[in-house]
Amino acid sequence: MEAWIDQLAEALGEDTLSARETAVLLDVARDVAHRVERKITPLATFLLGSAVGRSLAGGASRDEAVQAALDTVRSLLPEAPDEPEAPAGQA
């Protein structure tokens, strides 16, 4: 997967993703898929990328732009559903 996503980044003229960026982006994509709706995930990631690009064009660093976009996404996510409790005697 990493080789393909690096190849895509290079083909699009973008910097490759760091391990940290990959982890946080996959986490937020998972949260959108589970807390909003799975089919919305690619749309949310497109919008996130557009927002990052706009911030970069405005002079923000990549880290600042990604963090600001992630903060916005996370602020709009519904609360995570509680994990079901295990029946008594099971852990």
N, C-alpha and C. Protein backbone atom coordinates (compact mmCIF):
# COMPACT_ATOMS: atom_id res chain seq x y z
N MET A 1 0.82 -1.18 0.00
CA MET A 1 0.00 0.00 0.00
C MET A 1 0.88 1.25 0.00
N GLU A 2 1.90 1.29 0.85
CA GLU A 2 2.72 2.49 0.96
C GLU A 2 3.42 2.81 -0.35
N ALA A 3 3.89 1.81 -1.06
CA ALA A 3 4.56 2.06 -2.33
C ALA A 3 3.59 2.69 -3.33
N TRP A 4 2.35 2.20 -3.35
CA TRP A 4 1.36 2.72 -4.29
C TRP A 4 0.99 4.16 -3.94
N ILE A 5 0.76 4.44 -2.66
CA ILE A 5 0.36 5.79 -2.26
C ILE A 5 1.51 6.76 -2.48
N ASP A 6 2.75 6.32 -2.30
CA ASP A 6 3.91 7.16 -2.61
C ASP A 6 3.98 7.44 -4.11
N GLN A 7 3.71 6.43 -4.90
CA GLN A 7 3.71 6.58 -6.36
C GLN A 7 2.61 7.56 -6.79
N LEU A 8 1.44 7.46 -6.17
CA LEU A 8 0.35 8.38 -6.48
C LEU A 8 0.73 9.81 -6.12
N ALA A 9 1.30 10.01 -4.93
CA ALA A 9 1.71 11.35 -4.50
C ALA A 9 2.69 11.95 -5.51
N GLU A 10 3.67 11.18 -5.89
CA GLU A 10 4.66 11.68 -6.85
C GLU A 10 4.01 11.99 -8.20
N ALA A 11 3.11 11.14 -8.67
CA ALA A 11 2.43 11.36 -9.95
C ALA A 11 1.57 12.63 -9.92
N LEU A 12 1.04 12.96 -8.73
CA LEU A 12 0.21 14.15 -8.59
C LEU A 12 1.04 15.39 -8.26
N GLY A 13 2.35 15.22 -8.14
CA GLY A 13 3.22 16.35 -7.82
C GLY A 13 3.15 16.76 -6.36
N GLU A 14 2.82 15.82 -5.48
CA GLU A 14 2.70 16.09 -4.04
C GLU A 14 3.83 15.41 -3.29
N ASP A 15 4.12 15.93 -2.10
CA ASP A 15 5.07 15.25 -1.21
C ASP A 15 4.44 13.96 -0.73
N THR A 16 5.26 12.96 -0.48
CA THR A 16 4.73 11.71 0.06
C THR A 16 4.28 11.95 1.50
N LEU A 17 3.42 11.07 1.97
CA LEU A 17 2.90 11.18 3.34
C LEU A 17 3.91 10.62 4.33
N SER A 18 4.04 11.31 5.45
CA SER A 18 4.88 10.78 6.52
C SER A 18 4.10 9.66 7.22
N ALA A 19 4.79 8.90 8.04
CA ALA A 19 4.12 7.84 8.81
C ALA A 19 3.06 8.44 9.73
N ARG A 20 3.36 9.58 10.34
CA ARG A 20 2.40 10.25 11.22
C ARG A 20 1.17 10.72 10.44
N GLU A 21 1.39 11.35 9.28
CA GLU A 21 0.27 11.80 8.45
C GLU A 21 -0.60 10.62 8.03
N THR A 22 0.03 9.54 7.63
CA THR A 22 -0.71 8.35 7.22
C THR A 22 -1.58 7.85 8.37
N ALA A 23 -1.01 7.77 9.56
CA ALA A 23 -1.76 7.26 10.71
C ALA A 23 -2.95 8.15 11.06
N VAL A 24 -2.74 9.46 11.12
CA VAL A 24 -3.85 10.34 11.52
C VAL A 24 -4.92 10.42 10.43
N LEU A 25 -4.51 10.38 9.17
CA LEU A 25 -5.50 10.41 8.09
C LEU A 25 -6.33 9.13 8.06
N LEU A 26 -5.69 8.00 8.28
CA LEU A 26 -6.44 6.74 8.33
C LEU A 26 -7.37 6.71 9.54
N ASP A 27 -6.93 7.27 10.65
CA ASP A 27 -7.78 7.33 11.85
C ASP A 27 -9.02 8.18 11.59
N VAL A 28 -8.84 9.35 11.01
CA VAL A 28 -10.00 10.22 10.79
C VAL A 28 -10.91 9.62 9.71
N ALA A 29 -10.35 8.97 8.71
CA ALA A 29 -11.18 8.30 7.70
C ALA A 29 -12.02 7.19 8.35
N ARG A 30 -11.40 6.45 9.25
CA ARG A 30 -12.13 5.40 9.98
C ARG A 30 -13.26 6.00 10.80
N ASP A 31 -12.96 7.11 11.47
CA ASP A 31 -13.99 7.75 12.29
C ASP A 31 -15.16 8.23 11.44
N VAL A 32 -14.88 8.81 10.28
CA VAL A 32 -15.95 9.25 9.38
C VAL A 32 -16.76 8.03 8.93
N ALA A 33 -16.08 6.98 8.54
CA ALA A 33 -16.77 5.78 8.05
C ALA A 33 -17.69 5.17 9.11
N HIS A 34 -17.23 5.14 10.35
CA HIS A 34 -17.99 4.48 11.41
C HIS A 34 -18.98 5.40 12.12
N ARG A 35 -18.67 6.69 12.17
CA ARG A 35 -19.52 7.60 12.94
C ARG A 35 -20.45 8.44 12.06
N VAL A 36 -20.18 8.50 10.77
CA VAL A 36 -21.07 9.22 9.85
C VAL A 36 -21.66 8.19 8.89
N GLU A 37 -20.92 7.87 7.84
CA GLU A 37 -21.35 6.84 6.90
C GLU A 37 -20.17 6.47 6.02
N ARG A 38 -20.02 5.20 5.77
CA ARG A 38 -18.88 4.69 5.01
C ARG A 38 -18.74 5.37 3.65
N LYS A 39 -19.84 5.51 2.92
CA LYS A 39 -19.72 6.07 1.57
C LYS A 39 -19.36 7.56 1.56
N ILE A 40 -19.44 8.22 2.70
CA ILE A 40 -19.07 9.63 2.81
C ILE A 40 -17.55 9.79 2.94
N THR A 41 -16.85 8.75 3.35
CA THR A 41 -15.42 8.84 3.64
C THR A 41 -14.60 9.41 2.49
N PRO A 42 -14.74 8.91 1.26
CA PRO A 42 -13.90 9.49 0.19
C PRO A 42 -14.25 10.96 -0.08
N LEU A 43 -15.50 11.32 0.10
CA LEU A 43 -15.90 12.71 -0.10
C LEU A 43 -15.29 13.60 0.98
N ALA A 44 -15.30 13.12 2.21
CA ALA A 44 -14.71 13.88 3.32
C ALA A 44 -13.21 14.04 3.11
N THR A 45 -12.54 12.99 2.66
CA THR A 45 -11.10 13.09 2.46
C THR A 45 -10.77 14.03 1.29
N PHE A 46 -11.62 14.06 0.27
CA PHE A 46 -11.44 15.02 -0.83
C PHE A 46 -11.54 16.44 -0.30
N LEU A 47 -12.58 16.71 0.49
CA LEU A 47 -12.76 18.05 1.05
C LEU A 47 -11.62 18.42 1.99
N LEU A 48 -11.16 17.46 2.78
CA LEU A 48 -10.03 17.68 3.67
C LEU A 48 -8.81 18.08 2.86
N GLY A 49 -8.54 17.36 1.78
CA GLY A 49 -7.40 17.68 0.92
C GLY A 49 -7.52 19.05 0.28
N SER A 50 -8.73 19.41 -0.14
CA SER A 50 -8.95 20.74 -0.72
C SER A 50 -8.68 21.83 0.30
N ALA A 51 -9.13 21.62 1.53
CA ALA A 51 -8.91 22.60 2.59
C ALA A 51 -7.41 22.74 2.89
N VAL A 52 -6.71 21.63 2.91
CA VAL A 52 -5.27 21.67 3.15
C VAL A 52 -4.58 22.45 2.03
N GLY A 53 -4.95 22.16 0.80
CA GLY A 53 -4.35 22.88 -0.33
C GLY A 53 -4.60 24.38 -0.26
N ARG A 54 -5.80 24.76 0.11
CA ARG A 54 -6.13 26.18 0.23
C ARG A 54 -5.30 26.83 1.33
N SER A 55 -5.14 26.13 2.45
CA SER A 55 -4.32 26.66 3.55
C SER A 55 -2.86 26.79 3.14
N LEU A 56 -2.35 25.81 2.42
CA LEU A 56 -0.97 25.87 1.94
C LEU A 56 -0.79 27.06 1.01
N ALA A 57 -1.75 27.28 0.12
CA ALA A 57 -1.69 28.41 -0.81
C ALA A 57 -1.72 29.74 -0.06
N GLY A 58 -2.34 29.73 1.11
CA GLY A 58 -2.40 30.93 1.93
C GLY A 58 -1.18 31.13 2.81
N GLY A 59 -0.22 30.22 2.74
CA GLY A 59 1.02 30.39 3.47
C GLY A 59 1.19 29.52 4.70
N ALA A 60 0.22 28.69 5.03
CA ALA A 60 0.36 27.80 6.19
C ALA A 60 1.38 26.71 5.88
N SER A 61 2.01 26.19 6.91
CA SER A 61 2.88 25.03 6.72
C SER A 61 1.99 23.80 6.50
N ARG A 62 2.58 22.76 5.98
CA ARG A 62 1.81 21.54 5.75
C ARG A 62 1.26 20.99 7.07
N ASP A 63 2.08 20.98 8.11
CA ASP A 63 1.62 20.49 9.42
C ASP A 63 0.44 21.31 9.94
N GLU A 64 0.56 22.64 9.84
CA GLU A 64 -0.53 23.51 10.30
C GLU A 64 -1.80 23.29 9.49
N ALA A 65 -1.66 23.17 8.18
CA ALA A 65 -2.81 23.00 7.31
C ALA A 65 -3.53 21.68 7.57
N VAL A 66 -2.74 20.61 7.71
CA VAL A 66 -3.34 19.29 7.98
C VAL A 66 -4.02 19.30 9.34
N GLN A 67 -3.35 19.83 10.35
CA GLN A 67 -3.92 19.84 11.70
C GLN A 67 -5.22 20.65 11.75
N ALA A 68 -5.24 21.81 11.10
CA ALA A 68 -6.45 22.63 11.10
C ALA A 68 -7.61 21.91 10.42
N ALA A 69 -7.34 21.25 9.30
CA ALA A 69 -8.39 20.51 8.60
C ALA A 69 -8.88 19.34 9.43
N LEU A 70 -7.96 18.61 10.06
CA LEU A 70 -8.35 17.49 10.92
C LEU A 70 -9.16 17.96 12.11
N ASP A 71 -8.77 19.08 12.70
CA ASP A 71 -9.52 19.62 13.83
C ASP A 71 -10.96 19.94 13.42
N THR A 72 -11.13 20.49 12.23
CA THR A 72 -12.47 20.81 11.74
C THR A 72 -13.29 19.54 11.53
N VAL A 73 -12.69 18.55 10.89
CA VAL A 73 -13.41 17.28 10.67
C VAL A 73 -13.83 16.69 12.01
N ARG A 74 -12.88 16.61 12.93
CA ARG A 74 -13.18 16.01 14.23
C ARG A 74 -14.26 16.78 14.99
N SER A 75 -14.28 18.10 14.84
CA SER A 75 -15.29 18.90 15.54
C SER A 75 -16.70 18.64 15.03
N LEU A 76 -16.81 18.14 13.82
CA LEU A 76 -18.11 17.89 13.22
C LEU A 76 -18.57 16.44 13.33
N LEU A 77 -17.70 15.56 13.81
CA LEU A 77 -18.07 14.15 13.93
C LEU A 77 -19.09 13.96 15.06
N PRO A 78 -20.08 13.12 14.82
CA PRO A 78 -20.98 12.77 15.92
C PRO A 78 -20.18 12.02 16.99
N GLU A 79 -20.74 12.01 18.20
CA GLU A 79 -20.09 11.28 19.29
C GLU A 79 -19.91 9.82 18.89
N ALA A 80 -18.81 9.25 19.35
CA ALA A 80 -18.56 7.83 19.08
C ALA A 80 -19.55 7.00 19.89
N PRO A 81 -20.12 5.98 19.26
CA PRO A 81 -21.03 5.13 20.02
C PRO A 81 -20.25 4.40 21.11
N ASP A 82 -20.91 4.19 22.24
CA ASP A 82 -20.27 3.45 23.33
C ASP A 82 -20.04 2.02 22.89
N GLU A 83 -18.93 1.48 23.34
CA GLU A 83 -18.63 0.08 23.08
C GLU A 83 -19.59 -0.78 23.91
N PRO A 84 -20.17 -1.83 23.31
CA PRO A 84 -21.04 -2.69 24.11
C PRO A 84 -20.26 -3.36 25.23
N GLU A 85 -20.89 -3.45 26.38
CA GLU A 85 -20.23 -4.10 27.51
C GLU A 85 -20.23 -5.61 27.31
N ALA A 86 -19.13 -6.22 27.75
CA ALA A 86 -19.03 -7.68 27.68
C ALA A 86 -19.96 -8.27 28.74
N PRO A 87 -20.60 -9.39 28.42
CA PRO A 87 -21.45 -10.05 29.44
C PRO A 87 -20.63 -10.38 30.67
N ALA A 88 -21.29 -10.44 31.83
CA ALA A 88 -20.61 -10.74 33.09
C ALA A 88 -19.80 -12.01 32.97
N GLY A 89 -18.58 -11.95 33.50
CA GLY A 89 -17.72 -13.12 33.47
C GLY A 89 -16.86 -13.19 32.23
N GLN A 90 -17.06 -12.29 31.26
CA GLN A 90 -16.24 -12.27 30.05
C GLN A 90 -15.49 -10.96 30.01
N ALA A 91 -14.26 -11.03 29.53
CA ALA A 91 -13.47 -9.80 29.41
C ALA A 91 -12.77 -9.75 28.10
